[in-house]
Amino acid sequence: MMVLLRHLLGDVLRQLRQRQGRTLREVSADARVSLGYLSEVERGQKEASSELLSSICGALGVPLSQVLREVADQLALAELQEAALLDGSVPADTVPAPDRIGIDSVPDRVPDVVDMVGV
């Protein structure tokens, strides 16, 4: 079972949007992308260009690097789970399905520099 990068990316983007309490319509308007296309990106049906990702991240107020880092973390987790299943070291019924891998570590906004003073 191969995990597709576009699925993970869509999941991260959707989670960020939902945590902000925003609709597809709001984010698509701010990102200047059609609502239908944004929906397809979130569902992992379309590969988003770097320009489109930058625009969506701008609309969400989150750096692209943060989104890509979260996607990379989720991909690494999925690869470890797949490797464990393939070598038989972990029973299949103990590994969560790919759609059940949480992305709770994605914050709804990036702290401002002012927030980080004295850290």
Protein backbone atom coordinates (compact mmCIF):
# COMPACT_ATOMS: atom_id res chain seq x y z
CA MET A 1 0.00 0.00 0.00
CA MET A 2 1.59 3.25 -1.16
CA VAL A 3 0.77 6.55 0.50
CA LEU A 4 0.29 9.33 -2.02
CA LEU A 5 1.88 12.67 -1.22
CA ARG A 6 -1.12 14.56 -2.61
CA HIS A 7 -3.40 12.79 -0.10
CA LEU A 8 -1.23 13.74 2.85
CA LEU A 9 -0.88 17.31 1.62
CA GLY A 10 -4.64 17.62 1.18
CA ASP A 11 -5.25 16.25 4.67
CA VAL A 12 -2.85 18.77 6.23
CA LEU A 13 -4.37 21.69 4.32
CA ARG A 14 -7.92 20.64 5.23
CA GLN A 15 -7.01 20.24 8.91
CA LEU A 16 -5.46 23.72 8.98
CA ARG A 17 -8.50 25.28 7.34
CA GLN A 18 -10.95 23.51 9.63
CA ARG A 19 -9.00 24.44 12.75
CA GLN A 20 -9.31 28.06 11.73
CA GLY A 21 -13.06 27.57 11.37
CA ARG A 22 -12.91 28.66 7.75
CA THR A 23 -14.87 27.40 4.79
CA LEU A 24 -13.54 26.25 1.43
CA ARG A 25 -15.23 29.31 -0.07
CA GLU A 26 -13.37 31.72 2.23
CA VAL A 27 -9.96 30.17 1.67
CA SER A 28 -10.46 29.76 -2.07
CA ALA A 29 -11.39 33.45 -2.37
CA ASP A 30 -8.36 34.56 -0.34
CA ALA A 31 -6.06 32.23 -2.29
CA ARG A 32 -7.62 33.26 -5.62
CA VAL A 33 -8.27 29.68 -6.65
CA SER A 34 -11.57 28.11 -7.61
CA LEU A 35 -13.52 26.46 -4.81
CA GLY A 36 -13.75 23.23 -6.82
CA TYR A 37 -10.02 23.05 -7.41
CA LEU A 38 -9.21 23.71 -3.75
CA SER A 39 -11.67 20.99 -2.80
CA GLU A 40 -9.93 18.56 -5.17
CA VAL A 41 -6.54 19.45 -3.70
CA GLU A 42 -7.83 18.85 -0.16
CA ARG A 43 -9.27 15.47 -1.20
CA GLY A 44 -5.98 14.46 -2.83
CA GLN A 45 -7.48 14.33 -6.31
CA LYS A 46 -5.27 17.06 -7.80
CA GLU A 47 -1.55 17.75 -7.58
CA ALA A 48 -1.07 21.37 -6.54
CA SER A 49 1.72 23.44 -8.12
CA SER A 50 4.21 25.24 -5.91
CA GLU A 51 2.55 28.55 -6.85
CA LEU A 52 -0.87 27.25 -5.84
CA LEU A 53 0.47 25.83 -2.56
CA SER A 54 2.09 29.16 -1.79
CA SER A 55 -1.18 30.95 -2.44
CA ILE A 56 -3.19 28.53 -0.27
CA CYS A 57 -0.66 28.77 2.55
CA GLY A 58 -0.77 32.57 2.30
CA ALA A 59 -4.56 32.48 2.57
CA LEU A 60 -4.25 30.26 5.64
CA GLY A 61 -1.52 32.44 7.19
CA VAL A 62 0.86 29.49 7.47
CA PRO A 63 4.32 29.21 5.89
CA LEU A 64 4.66 26.63 3.13
CA SER A 65 7.66 25.19 4.97
CA GLN A 66 5.47 24.36 7.97
CA VAL A 67 2.92 22.55 5.80
CA LEU A 68 5.65 20.60 3.99
CA ARG A 69 7.28 19.69 7.30
CA GLU A 70 4.00 18.26 8.59
CA VAL A 71 3.47 16.35 5.34
CA ALA A 72 7.02 14.98 5.59
CA ASP A 73 6.38 13.84 9.19
CA GLN A 74 3.18 12.08 8.16
CA LEU A 75 4.91 10.44 5.20
CA ALA A 76 7.75 9.20 7.39
CA LEU A 77 5.24 7.71 9.82
CA ALA A 78 3.37 5.97 7.00
CA GLU A 79 6.64 4.58 5.60
CA LEU A 80 7.65 3.21 9.00
CA GLN A 81 4.27 1.56 9.41
CA GLU A 82 4.45 0.06 5.93
CA ALA A 83 7.98 -1.25 6.54
CA ALA A 84 6.91 -2.81 9.84
CA LEU A 85 4.01 -4.56 8.11
CA LEU A 86 6.18 -5.81 5.27
CA ASP A 87 8.81 -7.36 7.51
CA GLY A 88 6.17 -8.86 9.78
CA SER A 89 7.45 -7.22 12.95
CA VAL A 90 4.06 -5.62 13.64
CA PRO A 91 0.70 -7.37 13.24
CA ALA A 92 -1.48 -5.67 10.63
CA ASP A 93 -4.38 -5.16 13.05
CA THR A 94 -2.27 -2.94 15.34
CA VAL A 95 -1.38 -0.37 12.67
CA PRO A 96 -3.94 2.40 12.06
CA ALA A 97 -5.33 2.81 8.58
CA PRO A 98 -3.72 5.66 6.60
CA ASP A 99 -6.85 7.77 6.93
CA ARG A 100 -6.66 7.43 10.70
CA ILE A 101 -3.15 8.85 11.04
CA GLY A 102 -3.66 12.00 13.09
CA ILE A 103 -2.31 15.38 12.14
CA ASP A 104 -3.02 17.06 15.43
CA SER A 105 0.40 18.68 15.56
CA VAL A 106 -0.52 21.23 12.87
CA PRO A 107 -1.13 24.55 14.63
CA ASP A 108 -3.82 26.87 13.32
CA ARG A 109 -1.39 29.75 12.98
CA VAL A 110 2.31 30.49 13.10
CA PRO A 111 3.47 32.47 16.13
CA ASP A 112 4.45 36.05 15.40
CA VAL A 113 8.00 37.07 16.16
CA VAL A 114 6.58 39.09 19.04
CA ASP A 115 5.09 35.87 20.48
CA MET A 116 8.53 34.31 20.50
CA VAL A 117 10.39 37.11 22.33
CA GLY A 118 11.93 35.74 25.49
CA VAL A 119 11.54 32.11 24.45
